[in-house]
Amino acid sequence: MKLLLAGYLLSSQGERMAMANSVEGRYPFLDHRLAEYAARISPALKLRGLKEKYILKRAFMDQLPPEIFSRTKQPYGAPNKECFFLDGRPKDGIQEFLTSDALKEAGIFNPAGVARLVEKCAASNRLGFRDNSALVGVLSTQILTRLFCR
């Protein structure tokens, strides 16, 4: 817990991100009194089978809607094609980063390869992981290059 919590979750995933955006994070589950109390609770109440946060969910069962109480854990979903395309076309403000001229100006990506990726995005309802990652990578790089490298 010490290694992951302090060095990673609170640092790069929590405090640094919050402070970089002038937000002071509040972490109620890190209160030492709550942590000490939780340490005294039987492990059987904390985890029941594969149900994580069992006792927490039970404690608030009457205050949570059933869809919150009973839903499964969901991973963070990074942006994908659906964030940038609508009805087979790039959304407003996106196309300008994907033009051949913009790609040539940045000098990082092969414009023909990006054009094929954009065509694939336009023609397909859903993309695979690799294509989604490629699209987000191209867009992120193009945006950052324009903002900070000109």
C-alpha atoms as a PDB file:
ATOM      1  CA  MET A   1       0.000   0.000   0.000  1.00  0.00           C
ATOM      2  CA  LYS A   2       2.767   2.457   0.862  1.00  0.00           C
ATOM      3  CA  LEU A   3       4.532   1.989  -2.447  1.00  0.00           C
ATOM      4  CA  LEU A   4       1.525   2.350  -4.724  1.00  0.00           C
ATOM      5  CA  LEU A   5      -0.422   4.896  -2.719  1.00  0.00           C
ATOM      6  CA  ALA A   6       2.182   7.536  -1.884  1.00  0.00           C
ATOM      7  CA  GLY A   7       4.497   7.207  -4.855  1.00  0.00           C
ATOM      8  CA  TYR A   8       1.938   6.806  -7.590  1.00  0.00           C
ATOM      9  CA  LEU A   9      -1.741   7.303  -6.814  1.00  0.00           C
ATOM     10  CA  LEU A  10      -1.418  10.351  -4.588  1.00  0.00           C
ATOM     11  CA  SER A  11       1.554  11.766  -6.413  1.00  0.00           C
ATOM     12  CA  SER A  12       1.133  11.543 -10.175  1.00  0.00           C
ATOM     13  CA  GLN A  13      -2.533  10.556 -10.238  1.00  0.00           C
ATOM     14  CA  GLY A  14      -3.777  12.812  -7.456  1.00  0.00           C
ATOM     15  CA  GLU A  15      -1.958  15.687  -5.866  1.00  0.00           C
ATOM     16  CA  ARG A  16       0.200  16.704  -8.822  1.00  0.00           C
ATOM     17  CA  MET A  17      -2.726  16.707 -11.245  1.00  0.00           C
ATOM     18  CA  ALA A  18      -4.924  18.610  -8.814  1.00  0.00           C
ATOM     19  CA  MET A  19      -2.332  21.231  -7.931  1.00  0.00           C
ATOM     20  CA  ALA A  20      -1.310  21.677 -11.572  1.00  0.00           C
ATOM     21  CA  ASN A  21      -4.875  22.831 -12.135  1.00  0.00           C
ATOM     22  CA  SER A  22      -5.134  24.930  -8.938  1.00  0.00           C
ATOM     23  CA  VAL A  23      -7.418  22.411  -7.245  1.00  0.00           C
ATOM     24  CA  GLU A  24      -6.905  21.282  -3.679  1.00  0.00           C
ATOM     25  CA  GLY A  25      -7.806  17.610  -3.432  1.00  0.00           C
ATOM     26  CA  ARG A  26      -9.701  16.273  -0.439  1.00  0.00           C
ATOM     27  CA  TYR A  27      -9.276  12.587   0.293  1.00  0.00           C
ATOM     28  CA  PRO A  28     -11.791  11.582   2.980  1.00  0.00           C
ATOM     29  CA  PHE A  29     -10.780   7.928   2.940  1.00  0.00           C
ATOM     30  CA  LEU A  30      -7.212   8.887   3.892  1.00  0.00           C
ATOM     31  CA  ASP A  31      -8.255  10.353   7.237  1.00  0.00           C
ATOM     32  CA  HIS A  32      -6.107   8.546   9.815  1.00  0.00           C
ATOM     33  CA  ARG A  33      -9.097   7.924  12.103  1.00  0.00           C
ATOM     34  CA  LEU A  34     -11.002   6.210   9.318  1.00  0.00           C
ATOM     35  CA  ALA A  35      -7.926   4.188   8.337  1.00  0.00           C
ATOM     36  CA  GLU A  36      -7.420   3.095  11.961  1.00  0.00           C
ATOM     37  CA  TYR A  37     -11.087   2.119  12.241  1.00  0.00           C
ATOM     38  CA  ALA A  38     -10.973   0.211   8.950  1.00  0.00           C
ATOM     39  CA  ALA A  39      -7.892  -1.685  10.133  1.00  0.00           C
ATOM     40  CA  ARG A  40      -9.961  -3.076  13.024  1.00  0.00           C
ATOM     41  CA  ILE A  41     -12.770  -4.360  10.782  1.00  0.00           C
ATOM     42  CA  SER A  42     -12.785  -8.058   9.951  1.00  0.00           C
ATOM     43  CA  PRO A  43     -11.343  -8.808   6.497  1.00  0.00           C
ATOM     44  CA  ALA A  44     -14.454 -10.898   5.775  1.00  0.00           C
ATOM     45  CA  LEU A  45     -16.543  -7.714   5.853  1.00  0.00           C
ATOM     46  CA  LYS A  46     -14.217  -5.761   3.588  1.00  0.00           C
ATOM     47  CA  LEU A  47     -14.175  -8.214   0.718  1.00  0.00           C
ATOM     48  CA  ARG A  48     -16.915 -10.729   0.091  1.00  0.00           C
ATOM     49  CA  GLY A  49     -15.985 -13.068  -2.731  1.00  0.00           C
ATOM     50  CA  LEU A  50     -15.002 -10.794  -5.589  1.00  0.00           C
ATOM     51  CA  LYS A  51     -17.190  -7.912  -4.401  1.00  0.00           C
ATOM     52  CA  GLU A  52     -14.857  -5.039  -3.635  1.00  0.00           C
ATOM     53  CA  LYS A  53     -15.792  -2.347  -1.095  1.00  0.00           C
ATOM     54  CA  TYR A  54     -18.482  -4.650   0.269  1.00  0.00           C
ATOM     55  CA  ILE A  55     -18.882  -2.999   3.671  1.00  0.00           C
ATOM     56  CA  LEU A  56     -18.814   0.504   2.185  1.00  0.00           C
ATOM     57  CA  LYS A  57     -21.550  -0.377  -0.282  1.00  0.00           C
ATOM     58  CA  ARG A  58     -23.611  -2.026   2.462  1.00  0.00           C
ATOM     59  CA  ALA A  59     -23.230   1.023   4.693  1.00  0.00           C
ATOM     60  CA  PHE A  60     -24.675   3.298   2.015  1.00  0.00           C
ATOM     61  CA  MET A  61     -27.094   0.857   0.393  1.00  0.00           C
ATOM     62  CA  ASP A  62     -30.145   2.828   1.553  1.00  0.00           C
ATOM     63  CA  GLN A  63     -28.722   6.072   0.175  1.00  0.00           C
ATOM     64  CA  LEU A  64     -27.474   4.841  -3.199  1.00  0.00           C
ATOM     65  CA  PRO A  65     -29.632   4.084  -6.226  1.00  0.00           C
ATOM     66  CA  PRO A  66     -29.552   0.363  -7.144  1.00  0.00           C
ATOM     67  CA  GLU A  67     -27.639   1.020 -10.375  1.00  0.00           C
ATOM     68  CA  ILE A  68     -24.778   2.529  -8.346  1.00  0.00           C
ATOM     69  CA  PHE A  69     -24.840  -0.069  -5.602  1.00  0.00           C
ATOM     70  CA  SER A  70     -24.897  -3.060  -7.923  1.00  0.00           C
ATOM     71  CA  ARG A  71     -22.726  -1.989 -10.851  1.00  0.00           C
ATOM     72  CA  THR A  72     -19.375  -3.588 -11.505  1.00  0.00           C
ATOM     73  CA  LYS A  73     -16.082  -1.760 -11.336  1.00  0.00           C
ATOM     74  CA  GLN A  74     -15.321   0.126 -14.527  1.00  0.00           C
ATOM     75  CA  PRO A  75     -11.860   0.980 -15.809  1.00  0.00           C
ATOM     76  CA  TYR A  76     -10.933   4.489 -16.841  1.00  0.00           C
ATOM     77  CA  GLY A  77     -11.720   4.885 -20.515  1.00  0.00           C
ATOM     78  CA  ALA A  78      -9.311   7.052 -22.436  1.00  0.00           C
ATOM     79  CA  PRO A  79     -10.718   9.131 -25.286  1.00  0.00           C
ATOM     80  CA  ASN A  80     -11.490   7.182 -28.435  1.00  0.00           C
ATOM     81  CA  LYS A  81     -12.850   7.707 -31.930  1.00  0.00           C
ATOM     82  CA  GLU A  82     -16.342   8.532 -30.654  1.00  0.00           C
ATOM     83  CA  CYS A  83     -14.936  11.597 -28.870  1.00  0.00           C
ATOM     84  CA  PHE A  84     -13.597  13.038 -32.113  1.00  0.00           C
ATOM     85  CA  PHE A  85     -15.914  11.824 -34.896  1.00  0.00           C
ATOM     86  CA  LEU A  86     -19.627  12.328 -35.448  1.00  0.00           C
ATOM     87  CA  ASP A  87     -21.617  10.835 -38.316  1.00  0.00           C
ATOM     88  CA  GLY A  88     -18.454   9.644 -40.042  1.00  0.00           C
ATOM     89  CA  ARG A  89     -16.701  13.016 -39.964  1.00  0.00           C
ATOM     90  CA  PRO A  90     -14.268  14.672 -37.564  1.00  0.00           C
ATOM     91  CA  LYS A  91     -16.056  16.994 -35.140  1.00  0.00           C
ATOM     92  CA  ASP A  92     -15.577  20.760 -35.356  1.00  0.00           C
ATOM     93  CA  GLY A  93     -12.038  21.773 -34.494  1.00  0.00           C
ATOM     94  CA  ILE A  94     -10.557  18.310 -35.090  1.00  0.00           C
ATOM     95  CA  GLN A  95     -10.116  18.239 -38.867  1.00  0.00           C
ATOM     96  CA  GLU A  96      -7.636  21.125 -38.809  1.00  0.00           C
ATOM     97  CA  PHE A  97      -5.115  18.907 -36.981  1.00  0.00           C
ATOM     98  CA  LEU A  98      -5.500  16.048 -39.464  1.00  0.00           C
ATOM     99  CA  THR A  99      -5.003  17.867 -42.759  1.00  0.00           C
ATOM    100  CA  SER A 100      -2.040  16.979 -44.921  1.00  0.00           C
ATOM    101  CA  ASP A 101      -0.658  20.513 -44.495  1.00  0.00           C
ATOM    102  CA  ALA A 102      -0.931  20.384 -40.684  1.00  0.00           C
ATOM    103  CA  LEU A 103       0.749  16.970 -40.604  1.00  0.00           C
ATOM    104  CA  LYS A 104       3.546  18.115 -42.918  1.00  0.00           C
ATOM    105  CA  GLU A 105       4.070  21.266 -40.863  1.00  0.00           C
ATOM    106  CA  ALA A 106       4.477  19.261 -37.644  1.00  0.00           C
ATOM    107  CA  GLY A 107       6.727  16.816 -39.481  1.00  0.00           C
ATOM    108  CA  ILE A 108       6.053  13.878 -37.182  1.00  0.00           C
ATOM    109  CA  PHE A 109       3.502  11.668 -38.935  1.00  0.00           C
ATOM    110  CA  ASN A 110       3.178  10.314 -42.444  1.00  0.00           C
ATOM    111  CA  PRO A 111       0.234  12.265 -43.914  1.00  0.00           C
ATOM    112  CA  ALA A 112      -0.798   9.339 -46.152  1.00  0.00           C
ATOM    113  CA  GLY A 113      -0.862   6.967 -43.174  1.00  0.00           C
ATOM    114  CA  VAL A 114      -2.919   9.389 -41.113  1.00  0.00           C
ATOM    115  CA  ALA A 115      -5.295   9.869 -44.064  1.00  0.00           C
ATOM    116  CA  ARG A 116      -5.856   6.091 -44.159  1.00  0.00           C
ATOM    117  CA  LEU A 117      -6.528   6.095 -40.411  1.00  0.00           C
ATOM    118  CA  VAL A 118      -9.019   8.967 -40.769  1.00  0.00           C
ATOM    119  CA  GLU A 119     -10.776   7.110 -43.619  1.00  0.00           C
ATOM    120  CA  LYS A 120     -10.982   4.024 -41.429  1.00  0.00           C
ATOM    121  CA  CYS A 121     -12.454   6.121 -38.606  1.00  0.00           C
ATOM    122  CA  ALA A 122     -15.025   7.636 -40.948  1.00  0.00           C
ATOM    123  CA  ALA A 123     -16.069   4.284 -42.418  1.00  0.00           C
ATOM    124  CA  SER A 124     -16.249   2.260 -39.214  1.00  0.00           C
ATOM    125  CA  ASN A 125     -18.683   2.485 -36.309  1.00  0.00           C
ATOM    126  CA  ARG A 126     -16.139   1.103 -33.852  1.00  0.00           C
ATOM    127  CA  LEU A 127     -12.376   0.889 -34.016  1.00  0.00           C
ATOM    128  CA  GLY A 128     -10.060  -1.603 -32.422  1.00  0.00           C
ATOM    129  CA  PHE A 129      -7.726  -0.686 -29.585  1.00  0.00           C
ATOM    130  CA  ARG A 130      -4.718  -0.091 -31.847  1.00  0.00           C
ATOM    131  CA  ASP A 131      -6.523   2.240 -34.229  1.00  0.00           C
ATOM    132  CA  ASN A 132      -8.144   4.168 -31.370  1.00  0.00           C
ATOM    133  CA  SER A 133      -4.759   4.531 -29.690  1.00  0.00           C
ATOM    134  CA  ALA A 134      -3.188   5.661 -32.954  1.00  0.00           C
ATOM    135  CA  LEU A 135      -5.905   8.265 -33.544  1.00  0.00           C
ATOM    136  CA  VAL A 136      -5.640   9.676 -30.023  1.00  0.00           C
ATOM    137  CA  GLY A 137      -1.846   9.658 -30.266  1.00  0.00           C
ATOM    138  CA  VAL A 138      -1.858  11.544 -33.567  1.00  0.00           C
ATOM    139  CA  LEU A 139      -4.390  14.116 -32.364  1.00  0.00           C
ATOM    140  CA  SER A 140      -2.665  14.645 -29.006  1.00  0.00           C
ATOM    141  CA  THR A 141       0.719  15.080 -30.648  1.00  0.00           C
ATOM    142  CA  GLN A 142      -0.629  17.418 -33.305  1.00  0.00           C
ATOM    143  CA  ILE A 143      -2.404  19.593 -30.734  1.00  0.00           C
ATOM    144  CA  LEU A 144       0.604  19.742 -28.402  1.00  0.00           C
ATOM    145  CA  THR A 145       2.949  20.472 -31.295  1.00  0.00           C
ATOM    146  CA  ARG A 146       0.794  23.374 -32.438  1.00  0.00           C
ATOM    147  CA  LEU A 147       0.410  24.781 -28.935  1.00  0.00           C
ATOM    148  CA  PHE A 148       3.979  24.443 -27.703  1.00  0.00           C
ATOM    149  CA  CYS A 149       6.383  23.891 -30.589  1.00  0.00           C
ATOM    150  CA  ARG A 150       5.622  26.691 -33.028  1.00  0.00           C
END
